[in-house]
Amino acid sequence: MSDLYRKEALAHRSRALFGEVRLQAPPATWVITALLVALVAICLAVLFLCQVQTDAGEIRLIDWLFGRQA
């Protein structure tokens, strides 16, 4: 059965079985991902590190947003 095909065709087909797959995103995707990660990190830092002045004194912003009083 293999004598129906040329040796080159059979060799090409067998190499295709072991070929490599490369998944590569364009650079713009990585830039957008990095910017979104930085934005989320900044938002979390603001929530946990910033203080809000209330009548009872200063409390963290996240505690003020959720209504928890220190």
PDB file of N, CA and C in Angstrom:
ATOM      1  N   MET A   1       0.817  -1.187   0.000  1.00  0.00           N
ATOM      2  CA  MET A   1       0.000   0.000   0.000  1.00  0.00           C
ATOM      3  C   MET A   1       0.861   1.252   0.000  1.00  0.00           C
ATOM      4  N   SER A   2       1.981   1.244   0.737  1.00  0.00           N
ATOM      5  CA  SER A   2       2.819   2.430   0.805  1.00  0.00           C
ATOM      6  C   SER A   2       3.541   2.701  -0.512  1.00  0.00           C
ATOM      7  N   ASP A   3       3.613   1.732  -1.409  1.00  0.00           N
ATOM      8  CA  ASP A   3       4.272   1.974  -2.692  1.00  0.00           C
ATOM      9  C   ASP A   3       3.388   2.801  -3.636  1.00  0.00           C
ATOM     10  N   LEU A   4       2.159   3.113  -3.222  1.00  0.00           N
ATOM     11  CA  LEU A   4       1.304   3.988  -4.021  1.00  0.00           C
ATOM     12  C   LEU A   4       1.768   5.444  -3.937  1.00  0.00           C
ATOM     13  N   TYR A   5       2.466   5.791  -2.855  1.00  0.00           N
ATOM     14  CA  TYR A   5       2.877   7.182  -2.627  1.00  0.00           C
ATOM     15  C   TYR A   5       4.390   7.304  -2.755  1.00  0.00           C
ATOM     16  N   ARG A   6       4.827   8.482  -3.142  1.00  0.00           N
ATOM     17  CA  ARG A   6       6.273   8.723  -3.211  1.00  0.00           C
ATOM     18  C   ARG A   6       6.852   8.762  -1.804  1.00  0.00           C
ATOM     19  N   LYS A   7       8.131   8.481  -1.686  1.00  0.00           N
ATOM     20  CA  LYS A   7       8.796   8.513  -0.385  1.00  0.00           C
ATOM     21  C   LYS A   7       8.730   9.905   0.222  1.00  0.00           C
ATOM     22  N   GLU A   8       8.842  10.931  -0.615  1.00  0.00           N
ATOM     23  CA  GLU A   8       8.809  12.308  -0.112  1.00  0.00           C
ATOM     24  C   GLU A   8       7.457  12.633   0.512  1.00  0.00           C
ATOM     25  N   ALA A   9       6.381  12.164  -0.134  1.00  0.00           N
ATOM     26  CA  ALA A   9       5.041  12.429   0.398  1.00  0.00           C
ATOM     27  C   ALA A   9       4.841  11.728   1.736  1.00  0.00           C
ATOM     28  N   LEU A  10       5.312  10.490   1.837  1.00  0.00           N
ATOM     29  CA  LEU A  10       5.197   9.770   3.108  1.00  0.00           C
ATOM     30  C   LEU A  10       6.034  10.418   4.202  1.00  0.00           C
ATOM     31  N   ALA A  11       7.224  10.902   3.864  1.00  0.00           N
ATOM     32  CA  ALA A  11       8.093  11.556   4.848  1.00  0.00           C
ATOM     33  C   ALA A  11       7.460  12.862   5.324  1.00  0.00           C
ATOM     34  N   HIS A  12       6.855  13.607   4.407  1.00  0.00           N
ATOM     35  CA  HIS A  12       6.211  14.869   4.785  1.00  0.00           C
ATOM     36  C   HIS A  12       5.031  14.601   5.716  1.00  0.00           C
ATOM     37  N   ARG A  13       4.271  13.573   5.438  1.00  0.00           N
ATOM     38  CA  ARG A  13       3.120  13.253   6.276  1.00  0.00           C
ATOM     39  C   ARG A  13       3.550  12.805   7.664  1.00  0.00           C
ATOM     40  N   SER A  14       4.596  12.037   7.765  1.00  0.00           N
ATOM     41  CA  SER A  14       5.038  11.572   9.077  1.00  0.00           C
ATOM     42  C   SER A  14       5.628  12.719   9.899  1.00  0.00           C
ATOM     43  N   ARG A  15       6.285  13.691   9.236  1.00  0.00           N
ATOM     44  CA  ARG A  15       6.801  14.859   9.966  1.00  0.00           C
ATOM     45  C   ARG A  15       5.658  15.715  10.499  1.00  0.00           C
ATOM     46  N   ALA A  16       4.557  15.767   9.772  1.00  0.00           N
ATOM     47  CA  ALA A  16       3.428  16.577  10.218  1.00  0.00           C
ATOM     48  C   ALA A  16       2.843  16.049  11.517  1.00  0.00           C
ATOM     49  N   LEU A  17       2.963  14.761  11.750  1.00  0.00           N
ATOM     50  CA  LEU A  17       2.440  14.196  12.986  1.00  0.00           C
ATOM     51  C   LEU A  17       3.213  14.683  14.208  1.00  0.00           C
ATOM     52  N   PHE A  18       4.468  15.046  14.022  1.00  0.00           N
ATOM     53  CA  PHE A  18       5.303  15.476  15.135  1.00  0.00           C
ATOM     54  C   PHE A  18       5.656  16.957  15.040  1.00  0.00           C
ATOM     55  N   GLY A  19       4.877  17.711  14.309  1.00  0.00           N
ATOM     56  CA  GLY A  19       5.157  19.137  14.129  1.00  0.00           C
ATOM     57  C   GLY A  19       4.959  19.921  15.419  1.00  0.00           C
ATOM     58  N   GLU A  20       5.378  21.152  15.400  1.00  0.00           N
ATOM     59  CA  GLU A  20       5.246  21.977  16.586  1.00  0.00           C
ATOM     60  C   GLU A  20       4.120  22.981  16.396  1.00  0.00           C
ATOM     61  N   VAL A  21       3.463  23.282  17.485  1.00  0.00           N
ATOM     62  CA  VAL A  21       2.390  24.263  17.483  1.00  0.00           C
ATOM     63  C   VAL A  21       2.865  25.448  18.300  1.00  0.00           C
ATOM     64  N   ARG A  22       2.774  26.611  17.704  1.00  0.00           N
ATOM     65  CA  ARG A  22       3.193  27.820  18.408  1.00  0.00           C
ATOM     66  C   ARG A  22       1.988  28.726  18.557  1.00  0.00           C
ATOM     67  N   LEU A  23       1.642  29.006  19.787  1.00  0.00           N
ATOM     68  CA  LEU A  23       0.568  29.949  20.072  1.00  0.00           C
ATOM     69  C   LEU A  23       1.219  31.255  20.487  1.00  0.00           C
ATOM     70  N   GLN A  24       1.014  32.253  19.680  1.00  0.00           N
ATOM     71  CA  GLN A  24       1.664  33.528  19.958  1.00  0.00           C
ATOM     72  C   GLN A  24       0.666  34.642  19.740  1.00  0.00           C
ATOM     73  N   ALA A  25       0.463  35.425  20.774  1.00  0.00           N
ATOM     74  CA  ALA A  25      -0.461  36.545  20.683  1.00  0.00           C
ATOM     75  C   ALA A  25       0.288  37.774  20.177  1.00  0.00           C
ATOM     76  N   PRO A  26      -0.402  38.661  19.506  1.00  0.00           N
ATOM     77  CA  PRO A  26       0.255  39.886  19.055  1.00  0.00           C
ATOM     78  C   PRO A  26       0.690  40.745  20.248  1.00  0.00           C
ATOM     79  N   PRO A  27       1.700  41.577  20.075  1.00  0.00           N
ATOM     80  CA  PRO A  27       2.194  42.393  21.191  1.00  0.00           C
ATOM     81  C   PRO A  27       1.127  43.287  21.808  1.00  0.00           C
ATOM     82  N   ALA A  28       0.168  43.743  21.029  1.00  0.00           N
ATOM     83  CA  ALA A  28      -0.873  44.610  21.579  1.00  0.00           C
ATOM     84  C   ALA A  28      -1.664  43.896  22.672  1.00  0.00           C
ATOM     85  N   THR A  29      -1.858  42.609  22.535  1.00  0.00           N
ATOM     86  CA  THR A  29      -2.583  41.835  23.548  1.00  0.00           C
ATOM     87  C   THR A  29      -1.819  41.843  24.864  1.00  0.00           C
ATOM     88  N   TRP A  30      -0.512  41.680  24.801  1.00  0.00           N
ATOM     89  CA  TRP A  30       0.300  41.690  26.028  1.00  0.00           C
ATOM     90  C   TRP A  30       0.303  43.067  26.676  1.00  0.00           C
ATOM     91  N   VAL A  31       0.313  44.111  25.875  1.00  0.00           N
ATOM     92  CA  VAL A  31       0.291  45.475  26.421  1.00  0.00           C
ATOM     93  C   VAL A  31      -1.035  45.729  27.127  1.00  0.00           C
ATOM     94  N   ILE A  32      -2.135  45.352  26.495  1.00  0.00           N
ATOM     95  CA  ILE A  32      -3.459  45.542  27.107  1.00  0.00           C
ATOM     96  C   ILE A  32      -3.573  44.734  28.392  1.00  0.00           C
ATOM     97  N   THR A  33      -3.067  43.507  28.384  1.00  0.00           N
ATOM     98  CA  THR A  33      -3.103  42.670  29.586  1.00  0.00           C
ATOM     99  C   THR A  33      -2.295  43.304  30.714  1.00  0.00           C
ATOM    100  N   ALA A  34      -1.119  43.804  30.396  1.00  0.00           N
ATOM    101  CA  ALA A  34      -0.276  44.446  31.418  1.00  0.00           C
ATOM    102  C   ALA A  34      -0.954  45.693  31.981  1.00  0.00           C
ATOM    103  N   LEU A  35      -1.587  46.478  31.127  1.00  0.00           N
ATOM    104  CA  LEU A  35      -2.284  47.674  31.597  1.00  0.00           C
ATOM    105  C   LEU A  35      -3.469  47.320  32.492  1.00  0.00           C
ATOM    106  N   LEU A  36      -4.203  46.280  32.136  1.00  0.00           N
ATOM    107  CA  LEU A  36      -5.332  45.870  32.969  1.00  0.00           C
ATOM    108  C   LEU A  36      -4.875  45.332  34.322  1.00  0.00           C
ATOM    109  N   VAL A  37      -3.801  44.577  34.333  1.00  0.00           N
ATOM    110  CA  VAL A  37      -3.263  44.070  35.601  1.00  0.00           C
ATOM    111  C   VAL A  37      -2.792  45.232  36.477  1.00  0.00           C
ATOM    112  N   ALA A  38      -2.133  46.206  35.874  1.00  0.00           N
ATOM    113  CA  ALA A  38      -1.679  47.382  36.628  1.00  0.00           C
ATOM    114  C   ALA A  38      -2.871  48.168  37.172  1.00  0.00           C
ATOM    115  N   LEU A  39      -3.921  48.317  36.383  1.00  0.00           N
ATOM    116  CA  LEU A  39      -5.108  49.048  36.823  1.00  0.00           C
ATOM    117  C   LEU A  39      -5.784  48.350  37.993  1.00  0.00           C
ATOM    118  N   VAL A  40      -5.901  47.044  37.924  1.00  0.00           N
ATOM    119  CA  VAL A  40      -6.502  46.290  39.034  1.00  0.00           C
ATOM    120  C   VAL A  40      -5.640  46.404  40.284  1.00  0.00           C
ATOM    121  N   ALA A  41      -4.332  46.337  40.121  1.00  0.00           N
ATOM    122  CA  ALA A  41      -3.426  46.461  41.273  1.00  0.00           C
ATOM    123  C   ALA A  41      -3.556  47.838  41.922  1.00  0.00           C
ATOM    124  N   ILE A  42      -3.663  48.876  41.110  1.00  0.00           N
ATOM    125  CA  ILE A  42      -3.819  50.238  41.649  1.00  0.00           C
ATOM    126  C   ILE A  42      -5.147  50.367  42.383  1.00  0.00           C
ATOM    127  N   CYS A  43      -6.214  49.818  41.809  1.00  0.00           N
ATOM    128  CA  CYS A  43      -7.527  49.889  42.468  1.00  0.00           C
ATOM    129  C   CYS A  43      -7.514  49.167  43.811  1.00  0.00           C
ATOM    130  N   LEU A  44      -6.897  47.994  43.856  1.00  0.00           N
ATOM    131  CA  LEU A  44      -6.818  47.262  45.120  1.00  0.00           C
ATOM    132  C   LEU A  44      -5.971  48.014  46.146  1.00  0.00           C
ATOM    133  N   ALA A  45      -4.886  48.611  45.698  1.00  0.00           N
ATOM    134  CA  ALA A  45      -4.044  49.380  46.617  1.00  0.00           C
ATOM    135  C   ALA A  45      -4.807  50.565  47.185  1.00  0.00           C
ATOM    136  N   VAL A  46      -5.573  51.244  46.348  1.00  0.00           N
ATOM    137  CA  VAL A  46      -6.370  52.382  46.825  1.00  0.00           C
ATOM    138  C   VAL A  46      -7.404  51.909  47.836  1.00  0.00           C
ATOM    139  N   LEU A  47      -8.068  50.798  47.549  1.00  0.00           N
ATOM    140  CA  LEU A  47      -9.092  50.303  48.466  1.00  0.00           C
ATOM    141  C   LEU A  47      -8.528  49.959  49.839  1.00  0.00           C
ATOM    142  N   PHE A  48      -7.366  49.349  49.869  1.00  0.00           N
ATOM    143  CA  PHE A  48      -6.831  48.862  51.137  1.00  0.00           C
ATOM    144  C   PHE A  48      -5.882  49.838  51.830  1.00  0.00           C
ATOM    145  N   LEU A  49      -5.341  50.799  51.106  1.00  0.00           N
ATOM    146  CA  LEU A  49      -4.349  51.682  51.720  1.00  0.00           C
ATOM    147  C   LEU A  49      -4.843  53.098  51.995  1.00  0.00           C
ATOM    148  N   CYS A  50      -5.855  53.550  51.273  1.00  0.00           N
ATOM    149  CA  CYS A  50      -6.341  54.922  51.470  1.00  0.00           C
ATOM    150  C   CYS A  50      -7.245  55.007  52.697  1.00  0.00           C
ATOM    151  N   GLN A  51      -7.197  56.148  53.330  1.00  0.00           N
ATOM    152  CA  GLN A  51      -8.010  56.401  54.514  1.00  0.00           C
ATOM    153  C   GLN A  51      -9.085  57.429  54.170  1.00  0.00           C
ATOM    154  N   VAL A  52     -10.250  57.293  54.802  1.00  0.00           N
ATOM    155  CA  VAL A  52     -11.355  58.226  54.619  1.00  0.00           C
ATOM    156  C   VAL A  52     -11.622  58.890  55.959  1.00  0.00           C
ATOM    157  N   GLN A  53     -11.764  60.203  55.920  1.00  0.00           N
ATOM    158  CA  GLN A  53     -12.043  60.946  57.154  1.00  0.00           C
ATOM    159  C   GLN A  53     -13.553  60.944  57.406  1.00  0.00           C
ATOM    160  N   THR A  54     -13.966  60.445  58.559  1.00  0.00           N
ATOM    161  CA  THR A  54     -15.378  60.459  58.957  1.00  0.00           C
ATOM    162  C   THR A  54     -15.503  61.195  60.283  1.00  0.00           C
ATOM    163  N   ASP A  55     -16.736  61.306  60.742  1.00  0.00           N
ATOM    164  CA  ASP A  55     -16.947  61.961  62.037  1.00  0.00           C
ATOM    165  C   ASP A  55     -16.295  61.182  63.169  1.00  0.00           C
ATOM    166  N   ALA A  56     -16.226  59.868  63.019  1.00  0.00           N
ATOM    167  CA  ALA A  56     -15.642  59.026  64.058  1.00  0.00           C
ATOM    168  C   ALA A  56     -14.122  58.941  63.942  1.00  0.00           C
ATOM    169  N   GLY A  57     -13.548  59.480  62.897  1.00  0.00           N
ATOM    170  CA  GLY A  57     -12.109  59.417  62.681  1.00  0.00           C
ATOM    171  C   GLY A  57     -11.799  58.819  61.323  1.00  0.00           C
ATOM    172  N   GLU A  58     -10.552  58.478  61.120  1.00  0.00           N
ATOM    173  CA  GLU A  58     -10.150  57.903  59.837  1.00  0.00           C
ATOM    174  C   GLU A  58     -10.348  56.395  59.826  1.00  0.00           C
ATOM    175  N   ILE A  59     -10.873  55.891  58.709  1.00  0.00           N
ATOM    176  CA  ILE A  59     -10.987  54.451  58.507  1.00  0.00           C
ATOM    177  C   ILE A  59     -10.558  54.142  57.078  1.00  0.00           C
ATOM    178  N   ARG A  60     -10.247  52.875  56.844  1.00  0.00           N
ATOM    179  CA  ARG A  60      -9.849  52.476  55.493  1.00  0.00           C
ATOM    180  C   ARG A  60     -11.022  52.646  54.531  1.00  0.00           C
ATOM    181  N   LEU A  61     -10.715  52.918  53.283  1.00  0.00           N
ATOM    182  CA  LEU A  61     -11.743  53.133  52.269  1.00  0.00           C
ATOM    183  C   LEU A  61     -12.646  51.915  52.108  1.00  0.00           C
ATOM    184  N   ILE A  62     -12.069  50.714  52.109  1.00  0.00           N
ATOM    185  CA  ILE A  62     -12.880  49.512  51.925  1.00  0.00           C
ATOM    186  C   ILE A  62     -13.825  49.301  53.104  1.00  0.00           C
ATOM    187  N   ASP A  63     -13.381  49.633  54.311  1.00  0.00           N
ATOM    188  CA  ASP A  63     -14.261  49.522  55.470  1.00  0.00           C
ATOM    189  C   ASP A  63     -15.394  50.530  55.370  1.00  0.00           C
ATOM    190  N   TRP A  64     -15.096  51.728  54.903  1.00  0.00           N
ATOM    191  CA  TRP A  64     -16.116  52.753  54.740  1.00  0.00           C
ATOM    192  C   TRP A  64     -17.136  52.349  53.673  1.00  0.00           C
ATOM    193  N   LEU A  65     -16.666  51.753  52.575  1.00  0.00           N
ATOM    194  CA  LEU A  65     -17.568  51.330  51.510  1.00  0.00           C
ATOM    195  C   LEU A  65     -18.513  50.231  51.972  1.00  0.00           C
ATOM    196  N   PHE A  66     -18.037  49.312  52.799  1.00  0.00           N
ATOM    197  CA  PHE A  66     -18.863  48.217  53.267  1.00  0.00           C
ATOM    198  C   PHE A  66     -19.603  48.555  54.576  1.00  0.00           C
ATOM    199  N   GLY A  67     -19.441  49.749  55.065  1.00  0.00           N
ATOM    200  CA  GLY A  67     -20.162  50.178  56.248  1.00  0.00           C
ATOM    201  C   GLY A  67     -19.637  49.644  57.554  1.00  0.00           C
ATOM    202  N   ARG A  68     -18.417  49.164  57.559  1.00  0.00           N
ATOM    203  CA  ARG A  68     -17.828  48.660  58.791  1.00  0.00           C
ATOM    204  C   ARG A  68     -17.122  49.806  59.498  1.00  0.00           C
ATOM    205  N   GLN A  69     -17.409  49.986  60.737  1.00  0.00           N
ATOM    206  CA  GLN A  69     -16.773  51.037  61.521  1.00  0.00           C
ATOM    207  C   GLN A  69     -15.712  50.414  62.435  1.00  0.00           C
ATOM    208  N   ALA A  70     -14.577  51.049  62.495  1.00  0.00           N
ATOM    209  CA  ALA A  70     -13.491  50.520  63.325  1.00  0.00           C
ATOM    210  C   ALA A  70     -13.677  50.888  64.775  1.00  0.00           C
TER     211      ALA A  70
END
